[in-house]
Amino acid sequence: MQLSEMKFDGPVPVDGYGPGFFRVADQLYQGAIIVLPGEVLSWEGLADLSPLLAAAQEYDVLFVGTGPTHLPLAPEFLRQFDKLHLGVEPMATPAACRTYNVLLSEGRRVAAALLPV
């Protein structure tokens, strides 16, 4: 099996995560975060849609890390993004980080809203 290093131009990948924290672009963030092209924001959680909606023109797909396990999102949460024709993919946070990084490496316009594990 051949392994290739993933290279990133522009937006940055999620480097790591652990109990209550994330590492993005070699910086440590405590608690929930939003990773957008060019910036990382603190996030109040699933009820806090304003920063995600304000940056909606910057991404096509939003990966929502729901913590250690996959949890469904509230219909109202999904409706807000449907109105803007944006894809929303909820999954456990570890899977959301991996999927975000892979699509980012392919040059896709992605964002991640991540609850800590």
PDB file of N, CA and C in Angstrom:
ATOM      1  N   MET A   1       0.846  -1.162   0.000  1.00  0.00           N
ATOM      2  CA  MET A   1       0.000   0.000   0.000  1.00  0.00           C
ATOM      3  C   MET A   1       0.898   1.233   0.000  1.00  0.00           C
ATOM      4  N   GLN A   2       0.580   2.187  -0.874  1.00  0.00           N
ATOM      5  CA  GLN A   2       1.334   3.425  -0.953  1.00  0.00           C
ATOM      6  C   GLN A   2       0.621   4.506  -0.145  1.00  0.00           C
ATOM      7  N   LEU A   3       1.361   5.206   0.698  1.00  0.00           N
ATOM      8  CA  LEU A   3       0.812   6.292   1.495  1.00  0.00           C
ATOM      9  C   LEU A   3       1.279   7.612   0.904  1.00  0.00           C
ATOM     10  N   SER A   4       0.382   8.576   0.837  1.00  0.00           N
ATOM     11  CA  SER A   4       0.715   9.902   0.321  1.00  0.00           C
ATOM     12  C   SER A   4       0.411  10.937   1.386  1.00  0.00           C
ATOM     13  N   GLU A   5       1.308  11.905   1.516  1.00  0.00           N
ATOM     14  CA  GLU A   5       1.066  12.992   2.451  1.00  0.00           C
ATOM     15  C   GLU A   5       0.014  13.917   1.855  1.00  0.00           C
ATOM     16  N   MET A   6      -0.952  14.331   2.680  1.00  0.00           N
ATOM     17  CA  MET A   6      -1.982  15.263   2.218  1.00  0.00           C
ATOM     18  C   MET A   6      -1.423  16.671   2.334  1.00  0.00           C
ATOM     19  N   LYS A   7      -1.541  17.441   1.257  1.00  0.00           N
ATOM     20  CA  LYS A   7      -1.072  18.819   1.256  1.00  0.00           C
ATOM     21  C   LYS A   7      -2.276  19.743   1.215  1.00  0.00           C
ATOM     22  N   PHE A   8      -2.184  20.864   1.921  1.00  0.00           N
ATOM     23  CA  PHE A   8      -3.287  21.795   2.018  1.00  0.00           C
ATOM     24  C   PHE A   8      -2.831  23.180   1.588  1.00  0.00           C
ATOM     25  N   ASP A   9      -3.560  23.773   0.677  1.00  0.00           N
ATOM     26  CA  ASP A   9      -3.324  25.151   0.266  1.00  0.00           C
ATOM     27  C   ASP A   9      -4.544  25.953   0.682  1.00  0.00           C
ATOM     28  N   GLY A  10      -4.339  26.978   1.481  1.00  0.00           N
ATOM     29  CA  GLY A  10      -5.467  27.800   1.919  1.00  0.00           C
ATOM     30  C   GLY A  10      -6.064  27.287   3.201  1.00  0.00           C
ATOM     31  N   PRO A  11      -7.320  26.834   3.150  1.00  0.00           N
ATOM     32  CA  PRO A  11      -7.981  26.366   4.376  1.00  0.00           C
ATOM     33  C   PRO A  11      -7.167  25.261   5.064  1.00  0.00           C
ATOM     34  N   VAL A  12      -7.298  25.183   6.363  1.00  0.00           N
ATOM     35  CA  VAL A  12      -6.459  24.268   7.136  1.00  0.00           C
ATOM     36  C   VAL A  12      -7.234  23.063   7.647  1.00  0.00           C
ATOM     37  N   PRO A  13      -6.543  21.926   7.776  1.00  0.00           N
ATOM     38  CA  PRO A  13      -7.192  20.720   8.288  1.00  0.00           C
ATOM     39  C   PRO A  13      -7.268  20.729   9.810  1.00  0.00           C
ATOM     40  N   VAL A  14      -8.083  19.826  10.314  1.00  0.00           N
ATOM     41  CA  VAL A  14      -8.122  19.557  11.745  1.00  0.00           C
ATOM     42  C   VAL A  14      -6.974  18.592  12.015  1.00  0.00           C
ATOM     43  N   ASP A  15      -5.992  19.053  12.791  1.00  0.00           N
ATOM     44  CA  ASP A  15      -4.798  18.252  13.063  1.00  0.00           C
ATOM     45  C   ASP A  15      -5.034  17.173  14.108  1.00  0.00           C
ATOM     46  N   GLY A  16      -5.939  17.435  15.049  1.00  0.00           N
ATOM     47  CA  GLY A  16      -6.171  16.468  16.106  1.00  0.00           C
ATOM     48  C   GLY A  16      -7.302  16.914  17.018  1.00  0.00           C
ATOM     49  N   TYR A  17      -7.697  16.005  17.897  1.00  0.00           N
ATOM     50  CA  TYR A  17      -8.763  16.291  18.852  1.00  0.00           C
ATOM     51  C   TYR A  17      -8.607  15.350  20.024  1.00  0.00           C
ATOM     52  N   GLY A  18      -9.235  15.714  21.125  1.00  0.00           N
ATOM     53  CA  GLY A  18      -9.215  14.881  22.316  1.00  0.00           C
ATOM     54  C   GLY A  18     -10.331  15.332  23.231  1.00  0.00           C
ATOM     55  N   PRO A  19     -10.357  14.850  24.452  1.00  0.00           N
ATOM     56  CA  PRO A  19     -11.441  15.206  25.375  1.00  0.00           C
ATOM     57  C   PRO A  19     -11.506  16.726  25.595  1.00  0.00           C
ATOM     58  N   GLY A  20     -12.473  17.359  24.960  1.00  0.00           N
ATOM     59  CA  GLY A  20     -12.718  18.779  25.171  1.00  0.00           C
ATOM     60  C   GLY A  20     -11.879  19.734  24.348  1.00  0.00           C
ATOM     61  N   PHE A  21     -11.053  19.245  23.407  1.00  0.00           N
ATOM     62  CA  PHE A  21     -10.208  20.165  22.646  1.00  0.00           C
ATOM     63  C   PHE A  21     -10.039  19.715  21.201  1.00  0.00           C
ATOM     64  N   PHE A  22      -9.578  20.681  20.377  1.00  0.00           N
ATOM     65  CA  PHE A  22      -9.221  20.436  18.984  1.00  0.00           C
ATOM     66  C   PHE A  22      -7.893  21.130  18.714  1.00  0.00           C
ATOM     67  N   ARG A  23      -7.135  20.589  17.771  1.00  0.00           N
ATOM     68  CA  ARG A  23      -5.915  21.240  17.305  1.00  0.00           C
ATOM     69  C   ARG A  23      -6.094  21.506  15.811  1.00  0.00           C
ATOM     70  N   VAL A  24      -6.031  22.772  15.429  1.00  0.00           N
ATOM     71  CA  VAL A  24      -6.185  23.186  14.035  1.00  0.00           C
ATOM     72  C   VAL A  24      -5.053  24.152  13.722  1.00  0.00           C
ATOM     73  N   ALA A  25      -4.326  23.877  12.640  1.00  0.00           N
ATOM     74  CA  ALA A  25      -3.208  24.735  12.229  1.00  0.00           C
ATOM     75  C   ALA A  25      -2.237  24.949  13.395  1.00  0.00           C
ATOM     76  N   ASP A  26      -1.950  23.876  14.098  1.00  0.00           N
ATOM     77  CA  ASP A  26      -1.012  23.885  15.220  1.00  0.00           C
ATOM     78  C   ASP A  26      -1.437  24.786  16.381  1.00  0.00           C
ATOM     79  N   GLN A  27      -2.712  25.134  16.466  1.00  0.00           N
ATOM     80  CA  GLN A  27      -3.238  25.899  17.593  1.00  0.00           C
ATOM     81  C   GLN A  27      -4.248  25.044  18.337  1.00  0.00           C
ATOM     82  N   LEU A  28      -4.264  25.174  19.637  1.00  0.00           N
ATOM     83  CA  LEU A  28      -5.179  24.412  20.478  1.00  0.00           C
ATOM     84  C   LEU A  28      -6.427  25.237  20.762  1.00  0.00           C
ATOM     85  N   TYR A  29      -7.601  24.604  20.607  1.00  0.00           N
ATOM     86  CA  TYR A  29      -8.888  25.246  20.873  1.00  0.00           C
ATOM     87  C   TYR A  29      -9.647  24.387  21.878  1.00  0.00           C
ATOM     88  N   GLN A  30     -10.169  25.017  22.919  1.00  0.00           N
ATOM     89  CA  GLN A  30     -10.971  24.324  23.927  1.00  0.00           C
ATOM     90  C   GLN A  30     -12.443  24.422  23.552  1.00  0.00           C
ATOM     91  N   GLY A  31     -13.186  23.351  23.726  1.00  0.00           N
ATOM     92  CA  GLY A  31     -14.622  23.368  23.486  1.00  0.00           C
ATOM     93  C   GLY A  31     -14.976  23.234  22.017  1.00  0.00           C
ATOM     94  N   ALA A  32     -16.234  23.517  21.718  1.00  0.00           N
ATOM     95  CA  ALA A  32     -16.763  23.380  20.364  1.00  0.00           C
ATOM     96  C   ALA A  32     -16.196  24.465  19.454  1.00  0.00           C
ATOM     97  N   ILE A  33     -15.976  24.099  18.177  1.00  0.00           N
ATOM     98  CA  ILE A  33     -15.417  25.050  17.219  1.00  0.00           C
ATOM     99  C   ILE A  33     -16.116  24.939  15.862  1.00  0.00           C
ATOM    100  N   ILE A  34     -15.946  25.983  15.072  1.00  0.00           N
ATOM    101  CA  ILE A  34     -16.345  25.990  13.671  1.00  0.00           C
ATOM    102  C   ILE A  34     -15.072  26.225  12.873  1.00  0.00           C
ATOM    103  N   VAL A  35     -14.822  25.372  11.886  1.00  0.00           N
ATOM    104  CA  VAL A  35     -13.661  25.524  11.021  1.00  0.00           C
ATOM    105  C   VAL A  35     -14.169  25.966   9.653  1.00  0.00           C
ATOM    106  N   LEU A  36     -13.834  27.196   9.302  1.00  0.00           N
ATOM    107  CA  LEU A  36     -14.228  27.789   8.023  1.00  0.00           C
ATOM    108  C   LEU A  36     -12.969  28.043   7.197  1.00  0.00           C
ATOM    109  N   PRO A  37     -13.119  28.253   5.903  1.00  0.00           N
ATOM    110  CA  PRO A  37     -11.944  28.633   5.119  1.00  0.00           C
ATOM    111  C   PRO A  37     -11.331  29.909   5.689  1.00  0.00           C
ATOM    112  N   GLY A  38     -10.119  29.802   6.173  1.00  0.00           N
ATOM    113  CA  GLY A  38      -9.418  30.980   6.665  1.00  0.00           C
ATOM    114  C   GLY A  38      -9.615  31.341   8.116  1.00  0.00           C
ATOM    115  N   GLU A  39     -10.491  30.654   8.853  1.00  0.00           N
ATOM    116  CA  GLU A  39     -10.655  31.001  10.264  1.00  0.00           C
ATOM    117  C   GLU A  39     -11.257  29.856  11.071  1.00  0.00           C
ATOM    118  N   VAL A  40     -10.972  29.906  12.362  1.00  0.00           N
ATOM    119  CA  VAL A  40     -11.544  28.969  13.324  1.00  0.00           C
ATOM    120  C   VAL A  40     -12.239  29.811  14.385  1.00  0.00           C
ATOM    121  N   LEU A  41     -13.493  29.470  14.669  1.00  0.00           N
ATOM    122  CA  LEU A  41     -14.294  30.231  15.632  1.00  0.00           C
ATOM    123  C   LEU A  41     -14.720  29.339  16.796  1.00  0.00           C
ATOM    124  N   SER A  42     -14.849  29.930  17.966  1.00  0.00           N
ATOM    125  CA  SER A  42     -15.501  29.227  19.074  1.00  0.00           C
ATOM    126  C   SER A  42     -16.967  29.090  18.711  1.00  0.00           C
ATOM    127  N   TRP A  43     -17.597  28.038  19.221  1.00  0.00           N
ATOM    128  CA  TRP A  43     -18.992  27.767  18.866  1.00  0.00           C
ATOM    129  C   TRP A  43     -19.758  27.412  20.122  1.00  0.00           C
ATOM    130  N   GLU A  44     -20.974  27.928  20.230  1.00  0.00           N
ATOM    131  CA  GLU A  44     -21.820  27.656  21.390  1.00  0.00           C
ATOM    132  C   GLU A  44     -22.576  26.332  21.258  1.00  0.00           C
ATOM    133  N   GLY A  45     -22.504  25.682  20.118  1.00  0.00           N
ATOM    134  CA  GLY A  45     -23.164  24.390  19.939  1.00  0.00           C
ATOM    135  C   GLY A  45     -24.307  24.451  18.945  1.00  0.00           C
ATOM    136  N   LEU A  46     -25.083  23.398  18.911  1.00  0.00           N
ATOM    137  CA  LEU A  46     -26.098  23.201  17.879  1.00  0.00           C
ATOM    138  C   LEU A  46     -27.181  24.277  17.832  1.00  0.00           C
ATOM    139  N   ALA A  47     -27.400  24.992  18.912  1.00  0.00           N
ATOM    140  CA  ALA A  47     -28.403  26.060  18.906  1.00  0.00           C
ATOM    141  C   ALA A  47     -27.849  27.359  18.330  1.00  0.00           C
ATOM    142  N   ASP A  48     -26.543  27.429  18.101  1.00  0.00           N
ATOM    143  CA  ASP A  48     -25.869  28.641  17.637  1.00  0.00           C
ATOM    144  C   ASP A  48     -25.601  28.558  16.132  1.00  0.00           C
ATOM    145  N   LEU A  49     -26.608  28.924  15.340  1.00  0.00           N
ATOM    146  CA  LEU A  49     -26.484  28.848  13.884  1.00  0.00           C
ATOM    147  C   LEU A  49     -25.925  30.116  13.256  1.00  0.00           C
ATOM    148  N   SER A  50     -25.942  31.231  13.946  1.00  0.00           N
ATOM    149  CA  SER A  50     -25.598  32.512  13.325  1.00  0.00           C
ATOM    150  C   SER A  50     -24.223  32.541  12.653  1.00  0.00           C
ATOM    151  N   PRO A  51     -23.143  32.045  13.271  1.00  0.00           N
ATOM    152  CA  PRO A  51     -21.861  32.116  12.561  1.00  0.00           C
ATOM    153  C   PRO A  51     -21.820  31.191  11.332  1.00  0.00           C
ATOM    154  N   LEU A  52     -22.542  30.085  11.401  1.00  0.00           N
ATOM    155  CA  LEU A  52     -22.584  29.166  10.254  1.00  0.00           C
ATOM    156  C   LEU A  52     -23.361  29.762   9.097  1.00  0.00           C
ATOM    157  N   LEU A  53     -24.459  30.422   9.403  1.00  0.00           N
ATOM    158  CA  LEU A  53     -25.278  31.041   8.362  1.00  0.00           C
ATOM    159  C   LEU A  53     -24.590  32.279   7.799  1.00  0.00           C
ATOM    160  N   ALA A  54     -23.896  33.034   8.633  1.00  0.00           N
ATOM    161  CA  ALA A  54     -23.198  34.241   8.172  1.00  0.00           C
ATOM    162  C   ALA A  54     -22.087  33.906   7.177  1.00  0.00           C
ATOM    163  N   ALA A  55     -21.487  32.736   7.310  1.00  0.00           N
ATOM    164  CA  ALA A  55     -20.390  32.330   6.428  1.00  0.00           C
ATOM    165  C   ALA A  55     -20.848  31.388   5.319  1.00  0.00           C
ATOM    166  N   ALA A  56     -22.136  31.264   5.118  1.00  0.00           N
ATOM    167  CA  ALA A  56     -22.683  30.263   4.191  1.00  0.00           C
ATOM    168  C   ALA A  56     -22.152  30.385   2.766  1.00  0.00           C
ATOM    169  N   GLN A  57     -21.767  31.560   2.328  1.00  0.00           N
ATOM    170  CA  GLN A  57     -21.257  31.717   0.974  1.00  0.00           C
ATOM    171  C   GLN A  57     -19.849  31.152   0.812  1.00  0.00           C
ATOM    172  N   GLU A  58     -19.204  30.774   1.912  1.00  0.00           N
ATOM    173  CA  GLU A  58     -17.834  30.281   1.873  1.00  0.00           C
ATOM    174  C   GLU A  58     -17.723  28.767   1.701  1.00  0.00           C
ATOM    175  N   TYR A  59     -18.830  28.030   1.822  1.00  0.00           N
ATOM    176  CA  TYR A  59     -18.751  26.572   1.731  1.00  0.00           C
ATOM    177  C   TYR A  59     -19.997  26.014   1.071  1.00  0.00           C
ATOM    178  N   ASP A  60     -19.860  24.768   0.587  1.00  0.00           N
ATOM    179  CA  ASP A  60     -20.975  24.058  -0.045  1.00  0.00           C
ATOM    180  C   ASP A  60     -21.517  22.942   0.834  1.00  0.00           C
ATOM    181  N   VAL A  61     -20.635  22.388   1.676  1.00  0.00           N
ATOM    182  CA  VAL A  61     -21.021  21.280   2.555  1.00  0.00           C
ATOM    183  C   VAL A  61     -20.508  21.572   3.954  1.00  0.00           C
ATOM    184  N   LEU A  62     -21.376  21.352   4.927  1.00  0.00           N
ATOM    185  CA  LEU A  62     -21.030  21.517   6.333  1.00  0.00           C
ATOM    186  C   LEU A  62     -21.056  20.156   7.008  1.00  0.00           C
ATOM    187  N   PHE A  63     -19.932  19.784   7.608  1.00  0.00           N
ATOM    188  CA  PHE A  63     -19.878  18.557   8.406  1.00  0.00           C
ATOM    189  C   PHE A  63     -20.101  18.942   9.859  1.00  0.00           C
ATOM    190  N   VAL A  64     -21.065  18.301  10.492  1.00  0.00           N
ATOM    191  CA  VAL A  64     -21.390  18.597  11.881  1.00  0.00           C
ATOM    192  C   VAL A  64     -20.966  17.404  12.731  1.00  0.00           C
ATOM    193  N   GLY A  65     -19.950  17.624  13.547  1.00  0.00           N
ATOM    194  CA  GLY A  65     -19.498  16.600  14.477  1.00  0.00           C
ATOM    195  C   GLY A  65     -20.350  16.668  15.733  1.00  0.00           C
ATOM    196  N   THR A  66     -21.111  15.618  15.994  1.00  0.00           N
ATOM    197  CA  THR A  66     -22.091  15.630  17.082  1.00  0.00           C
ATOM    198  C   THR A  66     -21.543  15.076  18.399  1.00  0.00           C
ATOM    199  N   GLY A  67     -20.219  15.008  18.528  1.00  0.00           N
ATOM    200  CA  GLY A  67     -19.616  14.473  19.744  1.00  0.00           C
ATOM    201  C   GLY A  67     -19.115  13.056  19.517  1.00  0.00           C
ATOM    202  N   PRO A  68     -19.037  12.260  20.572  1.00  0.00           N
ATOM    203  CA  PRO A  68     -18.460  10.917  20.434  1.00  0.00           C
ATOM    204  C   PRO A  68     -19.312   9.948  19.609  1.00  0.00           C
ATOM    205  N   THR A  69     -20.600  10.240  19.473  1.00  0.00           N
ATOM    206  CA  THR A  69     -21.476   9.358  18.690  1.00  0.00           C
ATOM    207  C   THR A  69     -22.285  10.190  17.695  1.00  0.00           C
ATOM    208  N   HIS A  70     -22.781   9.527  16.690  1.00  0.00           N
ATOM    209  CA  HIS A  70     -23.628  10.187  15.698  1.00  0.00           C
ATOM    210  C   HIS A  70     -25.005  10.434  16.301  1.00  0.00           C
ATOM    211  N   LEU A  71     -25.445  11.683  16.232  1.00  0.00           N
ATOM    212  CA  LEU A  71     -26.778  12.053  16.698  1.00  0.00           C
ATOM    213  C   LEU A  71     -27.498  12.768  15.559  1.00  0.00           C
ATOM    214  N   PRO A  72     -28.795  12.563  15.413  1.00  0.00           N
ATOM    215  CA  PRO A  72     -29.521  13.290  14.366  1.00  0.00           C
ATOM    216  C   PRO A  72     -29.632  14.770  14.723  1.00  0.00           C
ATOM    217  N   LEU A  73     -29.716  15.596  13.681  1.00  0.00           N
ATOM    218  CA  LEU A  73     -29.884  17.038  13.883  1.00  0.00           C
ATOM    219  C   LEU A  73     -31.363  17.385  13.876  1.00  0.00           C
ATOM    220  N   ALA A  74     -31.720  18.433  14.585  1.00  0.00           N
ATOM    221  CA  ALA A  74     -33.113  18.891  14.648  1.00  0.00           C
ATOM    222  C   ALA A  74     -33.568  19.329  13.255  1.00  0.00           C
ATOM    223  N   PRO A  75     -34.828  19.051  12.919  1.00  0.00           N
ATOM    224  CA  PRO A  75     -35.338  19.464  11.604  1.00  0.00           C
ATOM    225  C   PRO A  75     -35.160  20.961  11.334  1.00  0.00           C
ATOM    226  N   GLU A  76     -35.314  21.805  12.342  1.00  0.00           N
ATOM    227  CA  GLU A  76     -35.151  23.254  12.142  1.00  0.00           C
ATOM    228  C   GLU A  76     -33.712  23.600  11.764  1.00  0.00           C
ATOM    229  N   PHE A  77     -32.754  22.924  12.364  1.00  0.00           N
ATOM    230  CA  PHE A  77     -31.339  23.114  12.022  1.00  0.00           C
ATOM    231  C   PHE A  77     -31.149  22.834  10.535  1.00  0.00           C
ATOM    232  N   LEU A  78     -31.631  21.691  10.077  1.00  0.00           N
ATOM    233  CA  LEU A  78     -31.477  21.292   8.674  1.00  0.00           C
ATOM    234  C   LEU A  78     -32.228  22.225   7.724  1.00  0.00           C
ATOM    235  N   ARG A  79     -33.408  22.675   8.122  1.00  0.00           N
ATOM    236  CA  ARG A  79     -34.209  23.567   7.278  1.00  0.00           C
ATOM    237  C   ARG A  79     -33.470  24.866   6.953  1.00  0.00           C
ATOM    238  N   GLN A  80     -32.760  25.401   7.930  1.00  0.00           N
ATOM    239  CA  GLN A  80     -32.028  26.651   7.707  1.00  0.00           C
ATOM    240  C   GLN A  80     -31.006  26.511   6.575  1.00  0.00           C
ATOM    241  N   PHE A  81     -30.371  25.363   6.480  1.00  0.00           N
ATOM    242  CA  PHE A  81     -29.357  25.143   5.457  1.00  0.00           C
ATOM    243  C   PHE A  81     -29.979  24.711   4.129  1.00  0.00           C
ATOM    244  N   ASP A  82     -31.107  24.009   4.205  1.00  0.00           N
ATOM    245  CA  ASP A  82     -31.828  23.649   2.979  1.00  0.00           C
ATOM    246  C   ASP A  82     -32.242  24.902   2.218  1.00  0.00           C
ATOM    247  N   LYS A  83     -32.676  25.918   2.936  1.00  0.00           N
ATOM    248  CA  LYS A  83     -33.086  27.172   2.299  1.00  0.00           C
ATOM    249  C   LYS A  83     -31.943  27.793   1.488  1.00  0.00           C
ATOM    250  N   LEU A  84     -30.721  27.558   1.935  1.00  0.00           N
ATOM    251  CA  LEU A  84     -29.532  28.124   1.284  1.00  0.00           C
ATOM    252  C   LEU A  84     -28.898  27.145   0.287  1.00  0.00           C
ATOM    253  N   HIS A  85     -29.523  25.986   0.120  1.00  0.00           N
ATOM    254  CA  HIS A  85     -29.023  24.940  -0.796  1.00  0.00           C
ATOM    255  C   HIS A  85     -27.625  24.462  -0.408  1.00  0.00           C
ATOM    256  N   LEU A  86     -27.408  24.303   0.895  1.00  0.00           N
ATOM    257  CA  LEU A  86     -26.140  23.801   1.414  1.00  0.00           C
ATOM    258  C   LEU A  86     -26.336  22.396   1.967  1.00  0.00           C
ATOM    259  N   GLY A  87     -25.371  21.548   1.719  1.00  0.00           N
ATOM    260  CA  GLY A  87     -25.417  20.204   2.276  1.00  0.00           C
ATOM    261  C   GLY A  87     -24.969  20.204   3.723  1.00  0.00           C
ATOM    262  N   VAL A  88     -25.636  19.421   4.538  1.00  0.00           N
ATOM    263  CA  VAL A  88     -25.258  19.262   5.948  1.00  0.00           C
ATOM    264  C   VAL A  88     -25.152  17.772   6.226  1.00  0.00           C
ATOM    265  N   GLU A  89     -24.002  17.363   6.744  1.00  0.00           N
ATOM    266  CA  GLU A  89     -23.755  15.952   7.033  1.00  0.00           C
ATOM    267  C   GLU A  89     -23.414  15.776   8.510  1.00  0.00           C
ATOM    268  N   PRO A  90     -24.358  15.309   9.320  1.00  0.00           N
ATOM    269  CA  PRO A  90     -24.038  15.047  10.725  1.00  0.00           C
ATOM    270  C   PRO A  90     -23.359  13.687  10.864  1.00  0.00           C
ATOM    271  N   MET A  91     -22.399  13.629  11.758  1.00  0.00           N
ATOM    272  CA  MET A  91     -21.704  12.371  12.057  1.00  0.00           C
ATOM    273  C   MET A  91     -20.954  12.544  13.366  1.00  0.00           C
ATOM    274  N   ALA A  92     -20.485  11.456  13.909  1.00  0.00           N
ATOM    275  CA  ALA A  92     -19.665  11.552  15.120  1.00  0.00           C
ATOM    276  C   ALA A  92     -18.467  12.454  14.821  1.00  0.00           C
ATOM    277  N   THR A  93     -18.001  13.180  15.807  1.00  0.00           N
ATOM    278  CA  THR A  93     -16.925  14.145  15.599  1.00  0.00           C
ATOM    279  C   THR A  93     -15.665  13.530  14.986  1.00  0.00           C
ATOM    280  N   PRO A  94     -15.192  12.362  15.423  1.00  0.00           N
ATOM    281  CA  PRO A  94     -14.006  11.803  14.768  1.00  0.00           C
ATOM    282  C   PRO A  94     -14.209  11.592  13.267  1.00  0.00           C
ATOM    283  N   ALA A  95     -15.364  11.085  12.872  1.00  0.00           N
ATOM    284  CA  ALA A  95     -15.655  10.884  11.450  1.00  0.00           C
ATOM    285  C   ALA A  95     -15.782  12.218  10.725  1.00  0.00           C
ATOM    286  N   ALA A  96     -16.375  13.219  11.368  1.00  0.00           N
ATOM    287  CA  ALA A  96     -16.519  14.539  10.752  1.00  0.00           C
ATOM    288  C   ALA A  96     -15.146  15.166  10.494  1.00  0.00           C
ATOM    289  N   CYS A  97     -14.233  15.032  11.430  1.00  0.00           N
ATOM    290  CA  CYS A  97     -12.874  15.561  11.243  1.00  0.00           C
ATOM    291  C   CYS A  97     -12.179  14.877  10.073  1.00  0.00           C
ATOM    292  N   ARG A  98     -12.252  13.557  10.028  1.00  0.00           N
ATOM    293  CA  ARG A  98     -11.600  12.817   8.929  1.00  0.00           C
ATOM    294  C   ARG A  98     -12.199  13.180   7.580  1.00  0.00           C
ATOM    295  N   THR A  99     -13.527  13.203   7.502  1.00  0.00           N
ATOM    296  CA  THR A  99     -14.197  13.480   6.236  1.00  0.00           C
ATOM    297  C   THR A  99     -13.920  14.909   5.782  1.00  0.00           C
ATOM    298  N   TYR A 100     -13.971  15.851   6.703  1.00  0.00           N
ATOM    299  CA  TYR A 100     -13.639  17.243   6.399  1.00  0.00           C
ATOM    300  C   TYR A 100     -12.229  17.325   5.805  1.00  0.00           C
ATOM    301  N   ASN A 101     -11.253  16.681   6.446  1.00  0.00           N
ATOM    302  CA  ASN A 101      -9.869  16.738   5.976  1.00  0.00           C
ATOM    303  C   ASN A 101      -9.719  16.140   4.580  1.00  0.00           C
ATOM    304  N   VAL A 102     -10.373  15.023   4.309  1.00  0.00           N
ATOM    305  CA  VAL A 102     -10.264  14.383   3.001  1.00  0.00           C
ATOM    306  C   VAL A 102     -10.834  15.295   1.918  1.00  0.00           C
ATOM    307  N   LEU A 103     -12.037  15.808   2.133  1.00  0.00           N
ATOM    308  CA  LEU A 103     -12.638  16.675   1.119  1.00  0.00           C
ATOM    309  C   LEU A 103     -11.874  17.985   0.975  1.00  0.00           C
ATOM    310  N   LEU A 104     -11.326  18.483   2.056  1.00  0.00           N
ATOM    311  CA  LEU A 104     -10.491  19.677   1.993  1.00  0.00           C
ATOM    312  C   LEU A 104      -9.266  19.426   1.114  1.00  0.00           C
ATOM    313  N   SER A 105      -8.654  18.258   1.264  1.00  0.00           N
ATOM    314  CA  SER A 105      -7.470  17.924   0.465  1.00  0.00           C
ATOM    315  C   SER A 105      -7.807  17.796  -1.024  1.00  0.00           C
ATOM    316  N   GLU A 106      -9.069  17.553  -1.331  1.00  0.00           N
ATOM    317  CA  GLU A 106      -9.518  17.468  -2.726  1.00  0.00           C
ATOM    318  C   GLU A 106      -9.890  18.837  -3.284  1.00  0.00           C
ATOM    319  N   GLY A 107      -9.771  19.876  -2.472  1.00  0.00           N
ATOM    320  CA  GLY A 107     -10.079  21.223  -2.919  1.00  0.00           C
ATOM    321  C   GLY A 107     -11.544  21.587  -2.846  1.00  0.00           C
ATOM    322  N   ARG A 108     -12.317  20.814  -2.107  1.00  0.00           N
ATOM    323  CA  ARG A 108     -13.756  21.089  -1.985  1.00  0.00           C
ATOM    324  C   ARG A 108     -13.996  22.239  -1.018  1.00  0.00           C
ATOM    325  N   ARG A 109     -15.120  22.915  -1.206  1.00  0.00           N
ATOM    326  CA  ARG A 109     -15.528  24.039  -0.337  1.00  0.00           C
ATOM    327  C   ARG A 109     -16.314  23.476   0.847  1.00  0.00           C
ATOM    328  N   VAL A 110     -15.597  23.183   1.941  1.00  0.00           N
ATOM    329  CA  VAL A 110     -16.212  22.537   3.095  1.00  0.00           C
ATOM    330  C   VAL A 110     -15.975  23.357   4.353  1.00  0.00           C
ATOM    331  N   ALA A 111     -16.828  23.124   5.339  1.00  0.00           N
ATOM    332  CA  ALA A 111     -16.702  23.703   6.667  1.00  0.00           C
ATOM    333  C   ALA A 111     -17.044  22.604   7.665  1.00  0.00           C
ATOM    334  N   ALA A 112     -16.626  22.801   8.911  1.00  0.00           N
ATOM    335  CA  ALA A 112     -16.936  21.826   9.957  1.00  0.00           C
ATOM    336  C   ALA A 112     -17.382  22.560  11.226  1.00  0.00           C
ATOM    337  N   ALA A 113     -18.447  22.075  11.815  1.00  0.00           N
ATOM    338  CA  ALA A 113     -18.922  22.548  13.117  1.00  0.00           C
ATOM    339  C   ALA A 113     -18.785  21.350  14.039  1.00  0.00           C
ATOM    340  N   LEU A 114     -17.922  21.464  15.041  1.00  0.00           N
ATOM    341  CA  LEU A 114     -17.495  20.296  15.802  1.00  0.00           C
ATOM    342  C   LEU A 114     -17.747  20.432  17.295  1.00  0.00           C
ATOM    343  N   LEU A 115     -18.525  19.504  17.836  1.00  0.00           N
ATOM    344  CA  LEU A 115     -18.660  19.379  19.285  1.00  0.00           C
ATOM    345  C   LEU A 115     -17.554  18.462  19.770  1.00  0.00           C
ATOM    346  N   PRO A 116     -16.956  18.746  20.917  1.00  0.00           N
ATOM    347  CA  PRO A 116     -15.843  17.925  21.390  1.00  0.00           C
ATOM    348  C   PRO A 116     -16.269  16.505  21.769  1.00  0.00           C
ATOM    349  N   VAL A 117     -15.290  15.627  21.748  1.00  0.00           N
ATOM    350  CA  VAL A 117     -15.521  14.238  22.166  1.00  0.00           C
ATOM    351  C   VAL A 117     -15.320  14.141  23.664  1.00  0.00           C
TER     352      VAL A 117
END
